[in-house]
Amino acid sequence: MSWSKKILLLLLVAFIAIQFIQPARNKSGQVEAMDISKRSKVFDRIDTLLKTACYDCHSNNTNYPWYAYVQPIGWMLNDHIRSGKEQLNFSEFSSYSARRQKSKLKSIASQVSDGSMPLTSYKWIHKDARLSKAGNDLIIKWATTIKDSLEMKN
């Protein structure tokens, strides 16, 4: 057997072996007590937009595509989800301080407004996460309204 065939066989065996090393899934299957919807009124249309465009990376409930079960893609997705949840986790939003909640809501409005969220790479694969102008405007208005209501309470 030639060296190139041995190397290819070794790579194939390694690829098959890493399929057995699956990351933990980000899926609780329920709305948690600290979820943003428990903290403030999230209308059905806003809830749908958030779940479609944001929750996969910014909550404790990710809807995994088929390719998430293929390594090393699954590991990269897991890292991306972990990073997104560190920045903002809608499932734990109510546990944030009032100051942090206001900051996150302001950031949501800003990033949706300038088009940096949802990420372009996410929108390429998830066509339903491509928000229309009306969808963007709804999220921006909702986030701004909730932020303003927090400021009035303090």
C-alpha atoms as a PDB file:
ATOM      1  CA  MET A   1       0.000   0.000   0.000  1.00  0.00           C
ATOM      2  CA  SER A   2       1.401   3.402  -0.970  1.00  0.00           C
ATOM      3  CA  TRP A   3       1.969   6.204   1.557  1.00  0.00           C
ATOM      4  CA  SER A   4      -0.808   8.311   0.104  1.00  0.00           C
ATOM      5  CA  LYS A   5      -3.313   5.454   0.498  1.00  0.00           C
ATOM      6  CA  LYS A   6      -2.140   4.874   4.072  1.00  0.00           C
ATOM      7  CA  ILE A   7      -2.555   8.549   4.893  1.00  0.00           C
ATOM      8  CA  LEU A   8      -6.032   8.627   3.334  1.00  0.00           C
ATOM      9  CA  LEU A   9      -7.020   5.502   5.264  1.00  0.00           C
ATOM     10  CA  LEU A  10      -5.706   7.022   8.495  1.00  0.00           C
ATOM     11  CA  LEU A  11      -7.671  10.239   7.840  1.00  0.00           C
ATOM     12  CA  LEU A  12     -10.832   8.222   7.142  1.00  0.00           C
ATOM     13  CA  VAL A  13     -10.432   6.231  10.364  1.00  0.00           C
ATOM     14  CA  ALA A  14      -9.805   9.465  12.310  1.00  0.00           C
ATOM     15  CA  PHE A  15     -12.890  11.090  10.753  1.00  0.00           C
ATOM     16  CA  ILE A  16     -15.044   8.104  11.698  1.00  0.00           C
ATOM     17  CA  ALA A  17     -13.594   8.011  15.211  1.00  0.00           C
ATOM     18  CA  ILE A  18     -14.339  11.678  15.945  1.00  0.00           C
ATOM     19  CA  GLN A  19     -18.011  11.100  15.106  1.00  0.00           C
ATOM     20  CA  PHE A  20     -18.306   9.361  18.477  1.00  0.00           C
ATOM     21  CA  ILE A  21     -17.194  12.513  20.326  1.00  0.00           C
ATOM     22  CA  GLN A  22     -20.387  14.570  20.359  1.00  0.00           C
ATOM     23  CA  PRO A  23     -20.702  17.853  22.296  1.00  0.00           C
ATOM     24  CA  ALA A  24     -23.484  18.287  24.827  1.00  0.00           C
ATOM     25  CA  ARG A  25     -26.647  19.654  23.233  1.00  0.00           C
ATOM     26  CA  ASN A  26     -28.061  23.052  24.147  1.00  0.00           C
ATOM     27  CA  LYS A  27     -31.649  21.932  24.571  1.00  0.00           C
ATOM     28  CA  SER A  28     -33.739  22.248  27.703  1.00  0.00           C
ATOM     29  CA  GLY A  29     -37.069  21.869  25.899  1.00  0.00           C
ATOM     30  CA  GLN A  30     -38.923  24.327  28.104  1.00  0.00           C
ATOM     31  CA  VAL A  31     -39.334  28.032  28.771  1.00  0.00           C
ATOM     32  CA  GLU A  32     -37.286  28.712  31.862  1.00  0.00           C
ATOM     33  CA  ALA A  33     -38.322  30.900  34.798  1.00  0.00           C
ATOM     34  CA  MET A  34     -35.691  33.512  33.903  1.00  0.00           C
ATOM     35  CA  ASP A  35     -36.666  33.688  30.209  1.00  0.00           C
ATOM     36  CA  ILE A  36     -37.198  37.175  28.783  1.00  0.00           C
ATOM     37  CA  SER A  37     -40.831  36.298  28.061  1.00  0.00           C
ATOM     38  CA  LYS A  38     -41.361  35.893  31.821  1.00  0.00           C
ATOM     39  CA  ARG A  39     -39.789  39.304  32.479  1.00  0.00           C
ATOM     40  CA  SER A  40     -41.714  41.352  29.940  1.00  0.00           C
ATOM     41  CA  LYS A  41     -44.531  41.025  27.440  1.00  0.00           C
ATOM     42  CA  VAL A  42     -43.287  39.366  24.269  1.00  0.00           C
ATOM     43  CA  PHE A  43     -46.037  39.457  21.660  1.00  0.00           C
ATOM     44  CA  ASP A  44     -46.496  36.418  19.433  1.00  0.00           C
ATOM     45  CA  ARG A  45     -44.955  38.077  16.361  1.00  0.00           C
ATOM     46  CA  ILE A  46     -41.869  39.212  18.353  1.00  0.00           C
ATOM     47  CA  ASP A  47     -41.600  35.782  19.983  1.00  0.00           C
ATOM     48  CA  THR A  48     -41.635  34.129  16.556  1.00  0.00           C
ATOM     49  CA  LEU A  49     -38.986  36.514  15.205  1.00  0.00           C
ATOM     50  CA  LEU A  50     -36.729  36.007  18.233  1.00  0.00           C
ATOM     51  CA  LYS A  51     -37.071  32.218  18.104  1.00  0.00           C
ATOM     52  CA  THR A  52     -36.426  32.167  14.363  1.00  0.00           C
ATOM     53  CA  ALA A  53     -33.523  34.594  14.190  1.00  0.00           C
ATOM     54  CA  CYS A  54     -31.959  34.654  17.675  1.00  0.00           C
ATOM     55  CA  TYR A  55     -32.756  31.752  19.991  1.00  0.00           C
ATOM     56  CA  ASP A  56     -30.534  29.119  18.348  1.00  0.00           C
ATOM     57  CA  CYS A  57     -27.435  30.959  19.577  1.00  0.00           C
ATOM     58  CA  HIS A  58     -28.886  33.137  22.349  1.00  0.00           C
ATOM     59  CA  SER A  59     -31.002  30.773  24.475  1.00  0.00           C
ATOM     60  CA  ASN A  60     -30.905  27.390  26.169  1.00  0.00           C
ATOM     61  CA  ASN A  61     -32.925  25.837  23.331  1.00  0.00           C
ATOM     62  CA  THR A  62     -31.172  25.308  20.027  1.00  0.00           C
ATOM     63  CA  ASN A  63     -32.850  23.678  17.046  1.00  0.00           C
ATOM     64  CA  TYR A  64     -29.991  21.691  15.580  1.00  0.00           C
ATOM     65  CA  PRO A  65     -29.668  21.132  11.833  1.00  0.00           C
ATOM     66  CA  TRP A  66     -28.608  17.687  10.587  1.00  0.00           C
ATOM     67  CA  TYR A  67     -25.014  18.772   9.997  1.00  0.00           C
ATOM     68  CA  ALA A  68     -24.563  19.594  13.693  1.00  0.00           C
ATOM     69  CA  TYR A  69     -24.150  15.855  14.231  1.00  0.00           C
ATOM     70  CA  VAL A  70     -21.137  15.706  11.890  1.00  0.00           C
ATOM     71  CA  GLN A  71     -17.840  16.456  13.564  1.00  0.00           C
ATOM     72  CA  PRO A  72     -15.916  18.783  13.531  1.00  0.00           C
ATOM     73  CA  ILE A  73     -18.834  20.978  12.371  1.00  0.00           C
ATOM     74  CA  GLY A  74     -20.781  20.135  15.545  1.00  0.00           C
ATOM     75  CA  TRP A  75     -17.871  21.269  17.696  1.00  0.00           C
ATOM     76  CA  MET A  76     -17.676  24.585  15.838  1.00  0.00           C
ATOM     77  CA  LEU A  77     -21.433  25.126  16.216  1.00  0.00           C
ATOM     78  CA  ASN A  78     -21.228  24.271  19.913  1.00  0.00           C
ATOM     79  CA  ASP A  79     -18.459  26.852  20.365  1.00  0.00           C
ATOM     80  CA  HIS A  80     -20.484  29.442  18.453  1.00  0.00           C
ATOM     81  CA  ILE A  81     -23.571  28.786  20.596  1.00  0.00           C
ATOM     82  CA  ARG A  82     -21.529  28.981  23.803  1.00  0.00           C
ATOM     83  CA  SER A  83     -20.079  32.312  22.688  1.00  0.00           C
ATOM     84  CA  GLY A  84     -23.521  33.669  21.731  1.00  0.00           C
ATOM     85  CA  LYS A  85     -24.975  32.706  25.101  1.00  0.00           C
ATOM     86  CA  GLU A  86     -22.101  34.433  26.890  1.00  0.00           C
ATOM     87  CA  GLN A  87     -23.052  37.655  25.115  1.00  0.00           C
ATOM     88  CA  LEU A  88     -26.828  37.328  25.557  1.00  0.00           C
ATOM     89  CA  ASN A  89     -28.997  34.498  26.810  1.00  0.00           C
ATOM     90  CA  PHE A  90     -32.730  35.113  26.436  1.00  0.00           C
ATOM     91  CA  SER A  91     -33.391  32.074  28.667  1.00  0.00           C
ATOM     92  CA  GLU A  92     -31.585  33.751  31.568  1.00  0.00           C
ATOM     93  CA  PHE A  93     -32.385  37.381  30.779  1.00  0.00           C
ATOM     94  CA  SER A  94     -34.377  38.032  33.969  1.00  0.00           C
ATOM     95  CA  SER A  95     -31.382  37.036  36.087  1.00  0.00           C
ATOM     96  CA  TYR A  96     -29.385  39.974  34.666  1.00  0.00           C
ATOM     97  CA  SER A  97     -29.146  43.186  36.674  1.00  0.00           C
ATOM     98  CA  ALA A  98     -31.443  46.007  35.526  1.00  0.00           C
ATOM     99  CA  ARG A  99     -28.422  47.843  34.145  1.00  0.00           C
ATOM    100  CA  ARG A 100     -27.298  44.821  32.137  1.00  0.00           C
ATOM    101  CA  GLN A 101     -30.842  44.215  30.855  1.00  0.00           C
ATOM    102  CA  LYS A 102     -31.022  47.803  29.572  1.00  0.00           C
ATOM    103  CA  SER A 103     -27.594  47.457  27.981  1.00  0.00           C
ATOM    104  CA  LYS A 104     -28.551  44.200  26.250  1.00  0.00           C
ATOM    105  CA  LEU A 105     -31.836  45.630  24.970  1.00  0.00           C
ATOM    106  CA  LYS A 106     -30.021  48.668  23.622  1.00  0.00           C
ATOM    107  CA  SER A 107     -27.494  46.358  21.979  1.00  0.00           C
ATOM    108  CA  ILE A 108     -30.268  44.234  20.431  1.00  0.00           C
ATOM    109  CA  ALA A 109     -31.845  47.333  18.861  1.00  0.00           C
ATOM    110  CA  SER A 110     -28.483  48.620  17.673  1.00  0.00           C
ATOM    111  CA  GLN A 111     -27.236  45.347  16.184  1.00  0.00           C
ATOM    112  CA  VAL A 112     -30.518  44.541  14.439  1.00  0.00           C
ATOM    113  CA  SER A 113     -30.631  48.110  13.120  1.00  0.00           C
ATOM    114  CA  ASP A 114     -27.112  47.994  11.667  1.00  0.00           C
ATOM    115  CA  GLY A 115     -27.594  44.464  10.305  1.00  0.00           C
ATOM    116  CA  SER A 116     -24.872  42.796  12.367  1.00  0.00           C
ATOM    117  CA  MET A 117     -27.458  40.461  13.918  1.00  0.00           C
ATOM    118  CA  PRO A 118     -28.455  37.885  12.959  1.00  0.00           C
ATOM    119  CA  LEU A 119     -25.021  36.996  11.645  1.00  0.00           C
ATOM    120  CA  THR A 120     -24.687  36.855   7.877  1.00  0.00           C
ATOM    121  CA  SER A 121     -23.278  33.316   8.077  1.00  0.00           C
ATOM    122  CA  TYR A 122     -26.368  32.241  10.040  1.00  0.00           C
ATOM    123  CA  LYS A 123     -28.719  33.861   7.511  1.00  0.00           C
ATOM    124  CA  TRP A 124     -26.992  32.044   4.625  1.00  0.00           C
ATOM    125  CA  ILE A 125     -27.971  28.694   6.073  1.00  0.00           C
ATOM    126  CA  HIS A 126     -31.225  29.697   7.808  1.00  0.00           C
ATOM    127  CA  LYS A 127     -33.297  31.539   5.231  1.00  0.00           C
ATOM    128  CA  ASP A 128     -36.163  32.072   7.696  1.00  0.00           C
ATOM    129  CA  ALA A 129     -33.789  34.108   9.909  1.00  0.00           C
ATOM    130  CA  ARG A 130     -33.504  36.778   7.221  1.00  0.00           C
ATOM    131  CA  LEU A 131     -35.578  39.493   8.799  1.00  0.00           C
ATOM    132  CA  SER A 132     -37.624  41.801   6.630  1.00  0.00           C
ATOM    133  CA  LYS A 133     -37.503  45.549   7.217  1.00  0.00           C
ATOM    134  CA  ALA A 134     -40.807  45.207   9.066  1.00  0.00           C
ATOM    135  CA  GLY A 135     -39.363  42.386  11.210  1.00  0.00           C
ATOM    136  CA  ASN A 136     -36.266  44.454  11.988  1.00  0.00           C
ATOM    137  CA  ASP A 137     -38.428  47.423  12.892  1.00  0.00           C
ATOM    138  CA  LEU A 138     -40.619  45.298  15.179  1.00  0.00           C
ATOM    139  CA  ILE A 139     -37.628  43.931  17.102  1.00  0.00           C
ATOM    140  CA  ILE A 140     -36.022  47.380  17.361  1.00  0.00           C
ATOM    141  CA  LYS A 141     -39.264  48.973  18.603  1.00  0.00           C
ATOM    142  CA  TRP A 142     -39.875  46.116  21.063  1.00  0.00           C
ATOM    143  CA  ALA A 143     -36.337  46.229  22.497  1.00  0.00           C
ATOM    144  CA  THR A 144     -36.429  50.023  22.782  1.00  0.00           C
ATOM    145  CA  THR A 145     -39.859  49.983  24.450  1.00  0.00           C
ATOM    146  CA  ILE A 146     -38.799  47.370  27.016  1.00  0.00           C
ATOM    147  CA  LYS A 147     -35.550  49.262  27.694  1.00  0.00           C
ATOM    148  CA  ASP A 148     -37.460  52.518  28.164  1.00  0.00           C
ATOM    149  CA  SER A 149     -39.914  50.843  30.553  1.00  0.00           C
ATOM    150  CA  LEU A 150     -36.965  49.583  32.623  1.00  0.00           C
ATOM    151  CA  GLU A 151     -35.549  53.103  32.790  1.00  0.00           C
ATOM    152  CA  MET A 152     -38.892  54.486  33.992  1.00  0.00           C
ATOM    153  CA  LYS A 153     -38.995  51.934  36.810  1.00  0.00           C
ATOM    154  CA  ASN A 154     -35.582  53.019  38.090  1.00  0.00           C
END
